[in-house]
N, C-alpha and C. Protein backbone atom coordinates (compact mmCIF):
# COMPACT_ATOMS: atom_id res chain seq x y z
N MET A 1 -2.24 1.19 -5.51
CA MET A 1 -2.90 1.08 -4.28
C MET A 1 -4.12 0.27 -4.20
N GLY A 2 -4.08 -0.90 -4.71
CA GLY A 2 -5.34 -1.58 -4.77
C GLY A 2 -6.07 -1.95 -3.49
N HIS A 3 -5.09 -2.41 -2.34
CA HIS A 3 -5.63 -2.36 -1.14
C HIS A 3 -6.72 -1.16 -0.41
N VAL A 4 -6.33 0.07 -1.02
CA VAL A 4 -6.91 1.13 -0.54
C VAL A 4 -8.69 0.97 -0.83
N ALA A 5 -8.72 0.33 -2.27
CA ALA A 5 -10.42 -0.02 -2.75
C ALA A 5 -11.12 -0.63 -1.53
N SER A 6 -10.43 -1.55 -0.72
CA SER A 6 -11.38 -2.24 0.38
C SER A 6 -11.99 -1.05 1.10
N GLU A 7 -11.05 -0.21 1.22
CA GLU A 7 -11.33 0.93 2.53
C GLU A 7 -11.69 2.26 2.18
N LYS A 8 -11.95 2.38 0.82
CA LYS A 8 -12.38 3.62 -0.06
C LYS A 8 -13.46 4.16 0.64
N THR A 9 -14.55 3.80 1.07
CA THR A 9 -15.59 4.68 1.62
C THR A 9 -15.21 5.25 2.91
N LYS A 10 -14.42 4.39 3.66
CA LYS A 10 -14.13 5.02 5.11
C LYS A 10 -12.79 6.52 4.64
N LEU A 11 -12.17 6.08 3.68
CA LEU A 11 -11.11 7.07 3.42
C LEU A 11 -11.43 8.04 2.67
N LEU A 12 -12.74 8.01 2.02
CA LEU A 12 -13.30 9.25 1.37
C LEU A 12 -14.03 9.81 2.26
N ASN A 13 -14.60 9.32 3.44
CA ASN A 13 -15.29 9.91 4.53
C ASN A 13 -14.50 10.97 5.18
N ARG A 14 -13.00 10.30 5.36
CA ARG A 14 -12.23 11.02 6.25
C ARG A 14 -11.45 12.47 5.18
N LEU A 15 -11.56 11.99 3.84
CA LEU A 15 -11.17 13.04 3.02
C LEU A 15 -12.18 14.38 3.03
N LYS A 16 -13.84 13.81 2.96
CA LYS A 16 -14.47 14.57 3.00
C LYS A 16 -14.62 15.73 4.27
N ARG A 17 -14.48 15.00 5.31
CA ARG A 17 -14.35 15.63 6.78
C ARG A 17 -12.94 16.92 6.55
N LEU A 18 -11.86 16.60 6.18
CA LEU A 18 -10.95 17.15 6.02
C LEU A 18 -11.04 18.22 5.11
N ARG A 19 -11.73 18.13 4.04
CA ARG A 19 -12.19 19.42 2.99
C ARG A 19 -13.00 20.48 3.87
N GLY A 20 -13.70 19.54 4.41
CA GLY A 20 -14.51 20.63 5.53
C GLY A 20 -13.65 21.63 6.36
N GLN A 21 -12.75 20.98 6.79
CA GLN A 21 -12.30 21.83 7.87
C GLN A 21 -11.27 22.68 7.16
N ILE A 22 -10.55 22.48 5.98
CA ILE A 22 -10.00 23.06 5.16
C ILE A 22 -10.79 24.20 4.65
N GLU A 23 -11.75 24.08 4.55
CA GLU A 23 -12.88 25.20 4.17
C GLU A 23 -12.92 26.14 4.82
N GLY A 24 -13.28 25.71 6.22
CA GLY A 24 -13.64 26.46 7.36
C GLY A 24 -12.28 27.16 7.64
N LEU A 25 -11.07 26.29 7.66
CA LEU A 25 -9.96 27.33 7.82
C LEU A 25 -9.66 28.37 6.63
N GLU A 26 -10.18 28.29 5.54
CA GLU A 26 -10.02 29.28 4.59
C GLU A 26 -11.03 30.50 4.86
N ARG A 27 -11.99 30.20 5.35
CA ARG A 27 -13.27 30.98 5.71
C ARG A 27 -12.73 31.93 7.02
N ALA A 28 -11.89 31.38 7.70
CA ALA A 28 -11.32 32.17 9.14
C ALA A 28 -10.29 32.89 8.60
N VAL A 29 -9.66 32.69 7.52
CA VAL A 29 -8.38 33.80 6.98
C VAL A 29 -9.20 34.60 6.30
N LEU A 30 -10.33 34.42 5.62
CA LEU A 30 -10.64 35.34 4.74
C LEU A 30 -11.61 36.50 5.76
N ALA A 31 -11.79 35.86 6.74
CA ALA A 31 -12.89 36.82 7.78
C ALA A 31 -11.83 37.41 8.92
N ASP A 32 -10.70 37.57 8.43
CA ASP A 32 -9.52 38.00 9.50
C ASP A 32 -10.12 37.57 11.13
N GLU A 33 -10.13 36.38 11.06
CA GLU A 33 -10.36 36.04 12.69
C GLU A 33 -9.01 35.93 13.31
N GLU A 34 -8.91 35.80 14.77
CA GLU A 34 -7.89 35.96 15.52
C GLU A 34 -6.96 34.70 15.14
N CYS A 35 -5.68 35.14 15.47
CA CYS A 35 -4.68 33.88 14.88
C CYS A 35 -4.94 32.83 15.81
N THR A 36 -5.28 32.80 17.09
CA THR A 36 -5.52 31.58 18.05
C THR A 36 -6.47 30.56 17.35
N ASN A 37 -7.62 31.30 16.71
CA ASN A 37 -8.74 30.82 16.25
C ASN A 37 -8.15 30.11 14.93
N VAL A 38 -7.38 30.53 14.00
CA VAL A 38 -6.70 30.16 12.70
C VAL A 38 -5.71 28.78 13.27
N LEU A 39 -5.04 29.23 14.07
CA LEU A 39 -4.32 28.09 14.41
C LEU A 39 -4.88 26.71 14.94
N GLN A 40 -6.11 26.97 15.83
CA GLN A 40 -6.66 25.98 16.12
C GLN A 40 -7.14 25.19 14.89
N GLN A 41 -7.66 25.85 14.08
CA GLN A 41 -8.11 25.16 12.71
C GLN A 41 -7.26 24.37 11.97
N ALA A 42 -6.12 25.18 11.79
CA ALA A 42 -4.96 24.61 11.23
C ALA A 42 -4.33 23.23 11.94
N THR A 43 -4.19 23.11 12.94
CA THR A 43 -4.18 22.03 13.96
C THR A 43 -4.96 21.02 13.80
N SER A 44 -6.45 21.27 13.72
CA SER A 44 -7.43 19.95 13.41
C SER A 44 -7.07 19.63 12.07
N CYS A 45 -6.98 20.35 11.05
CA CYS A 45 -6.64 19.87 9.85
C CYS A 45 -5.81 19.01 9.85
N ARG A 46 -4.54 19.22 10.39
CA ARG A 46 -3.39 18.90 10.13
C ARG A 46 -3.71 17.41 11.28
N GLY A 47 -4.58 17.22 12.16
CA GLY A 47 -4.84 16.01 13.00
C GLY A 47 -5.60 14.96 11.91
N ALA A 48 -6.67 15.95 10.94
CA ALA A 48 -7.18 15.01 9.97
C ALA A 48 -6.48 14.36 9.33
N LEU A 49 -5.40 15.26 8.44
CA LEU A 49 -4.74 14.43 7.43
C LEU A 49 -3.63 13.22 8.18
N ASP A 50 -3.04 13.69 9.38
CA ASP A 50 -2.16 12.48 10.12
C ASP A 50 -3.34 11.40 10.23
N GLY A 51 -4.60 11.39 10.47
CA GLY A 51 -5.39 10.16 10.51
C GLY A 51 -5.66 9.56 9.49
N PHE A 52 -5.52 10.39 8.19
CA PHE A 52 -5.76 9.66 6.96
C PHE A 52 -4.73 9.21 6.67
N ILE A 53 -3.32 9.56 6.89
CA ILE A 53 -2.16 8.92 6.37
C ILE A 53 -1.91 7.84 7.38
N ALA A 54 -2.29 7.89 8.48
CA ALA A 54 -2.13 6.36 9.62
C ALA A 54 -3.05 5.76 9.11
N GLU A 55 -4.19 5.77 8.65
CA GLU A 55 -5.35 4.51 8.00
C GLU A 55 -4.46 4.02 6.95
N VAL A 56 -4.13 4.78 5.67
CA VAL A 56 -3.46 4.20 4.99
C VAL A 56 -2.22 3.40 4.91
N ILE A 57 -1.40 3.99 5.95
CA ILE A 57 -0.38 3.30 6.36
C ILE A 57 -0.87 1.94 6.65
N GLU A 58 -1.59 1.96 7.95
CA GLU A 58 -1.87 0.94 8.50
C GLU A 58 -2.51 -0.35 7.57
N ASP A 59 -3.23 -0.13 6.56
CA ASP A 59 -3.82 -0.60 5.62
C ASP A 59 -2.82 -1.38 4.71
N HIS A 60 -1.86 -0.29 4.40
CA HIS A 60 -0.48 -1.25 3.28
C HIS A 60 0.26 -1.98 4.46
N ILE A 61 0.45 -1.86 5.62
CA ILE A 61 1.27 -2.94 6.44
C ILE A 61 0.66 -4.18 6.58
N ARG A 62 -1.02 -4.00 6.59
CA ARG A 62 -1.84 -5.22 6.93
C ARG A 62 -1.82 -5.92 5.62
N GLU A 63 -2.02 -5.48 4.39
CA GLU A 63 -2.07 -5.71 2.98
C GLU A 63 -0.64 -6.46 2.49
N HIS A 64 0.26 -5.57 2.95
CA HIS A 64 1.61 -6.08 1.97
C HIS A 64 2.75 -6.81 2.89
N MET A 65 2.72 -6.57 4.22
CA MET A 65 3.48 -6.69 5.00
C MET A 65 3.16 -8.30 5.59
N VAL A 66 1.90 -8.46 6.10
CA VAL A 66 1.43 -9.63 6.67
C VAL A 66 0.64 -10.49 5.97
N ASP A 67 1.03 -11.75 6.24
CA ASP A 67 0.34 -12.93 5.43
C ASP A 67 -1.09 -13.10 6.07
N PRO A 68 -1.96 -12.98 5.62
CA PRO A 68 -3.49 -12.80 6.04
C PRO A 68 -3.53 -14.45 6.84
N LYS A 69 -3.11 -15.40 6.36
CA LYS A 69 -3.26 -16.81 6.84
C LYS A 69 -2.29 -17.13 8.13
N ALA A 70 -1.47 -16.06 8.41
CA ALA A 70 -0.27 -16.29 9.34
C ALA A 70 -1.16 -16.22 10.89
N ASN A 71 -0.65 -17.01 11.70
CA ASN A 71 -1.09 -17.34 12.95
C ASN A 71 -1.19 -15.90 13.82
N ARG A 72 -2.22 -15.32 14.49
CA ARG A 72 -2.05 -14.01 15.13
C ARG A 72 -0.87 -13.99 16.29
N ASP A 73 -0.15 -15.09 16.45
CA ASP A 73 0.90 -15.34 17.38
C ASP A 73 2.13 -15.42 16.90
N ASP A 74 2.03 -15.07 15.45
CA ASP A 74 3.37 -15.13 14.54
C ASP A 74 4.06 -13.67 14.99
N ALA A 75 5.29 -14.02 14.97
CA ALA A 75 6.34 -12.76 15.64
C ALA A 75 6.06 -11.52 14.42
N ARG A 76 5.87 -12.27 13.06
CA ARG A 76 5.89 -10.86 11.97
C ARG A 76 4.43 -10.15 11.99
N VAL A 77 3.43 -11.06 12.36
CA VAL A 77 2.26 -10.34 12.78
C VAL A 77 2.49 -9.36 14.15
N GLN A 78 2.77 -10.02 14.92
CA GLN A 78 2.93 -9.05 16.09
C GLN A 78 3.81 -7.70 15.94
N ALA A 79 4.81 -8.13 15.18
CA ALA A 79 5.70 -6.75 14.71
C ALA A 79 5.12 -5.55 14.16
N ALA A 80 4.14 -6.54 12.93
CA ALA A 80 3.41 -5.62 12.20
C ALA A 80 2.26 -4.59 13.12
N GLU A 81 1.84 -5.22 13.91
CA GLU A 81 0.79 -4.49 14.86
C GLU A 81 1.45 -3.78 15.92
N ASP A 82 2.69 -4.10 16.21
CA ASP A 82 3.35 -3.27 17.10
C ASP A 82 3.84 -1.69 16.22
N LEU A 83 4.16 -1.90 14.97
CA LEU A 83 4.57 -0.84 14.12
C LEU A 83 3.37 0.03 13.95
N VAL A 84 2.00 -0.60 13.50
CA VAL A 84 0.76 0.09 13.52
C VAL A 84 0.71 0.93 14.77
N ASP A 85 0.82 0.44 16.00
CA ASP A 85 0.68 1.09 17.27
C ASP A 85 1.81 2.36 17.17
N ILE A 86 2.95 2.12 16.64
CA ILE A 86 4.01 3.11 16.54
C ILE A 86 3.52 4.41 15.78
N ILE A 87 2.93 3.82 14.84
CA ILE A 87 2.55 4.89 13.75
C ILE A 87 1.23 5.84 14.37
N HIS A 88 0.54 5.31 14.77
CA HIS A 88 -0.68 6.12 15.35
C HIS A 88 -0.34 6.88 16.42
N GLN A 89 0.71 6.52 17.42
CA GLN A 89 1.12 7.31 18.37
C GLN A 89 2.04 8.60 17.97
N TYR A 90 2.77 7.99 16.86
CA TYR A 90 3.75 9.02 16.33
C TYR A 90 2.48 10.35 15.47
N LEU A 91 1.79 9.71 14.73
CA LEU A 91 1.02 10.69 14.19
C LEU A 91 -0.15 11.52 14.94
N LYS A 92 -0.27 10.96 16.23
CA LYS A 92 -0.91 11.74 17.14
C LYS A 92 -0.43 13.33 17.78
N LYS A 93 0.89 12.81 17.81
CA LYS A 93 1.77 14.02 18.62
C LYS A 93 1.68 15.26 17.57
């Protein structure tokens, strides 16, 4: 995962936010909060993890599937960008 190194700070910041959300979820369960509150926090955690996954997949596609020297109008470049958009849409649901 060498390509992750160039995005390390951004990814680590996402993971720190995710850790905070999970800790908040744990506190909610320990405090016997209402189910709706726990579920809202759980879905927030899932959204944060999906965002992290989307970033790693996007970086992987751009690093390993697209030639950085390729013309932006190249069909492979456009297909890769379309795939990134689809992944983002899928993970947002």
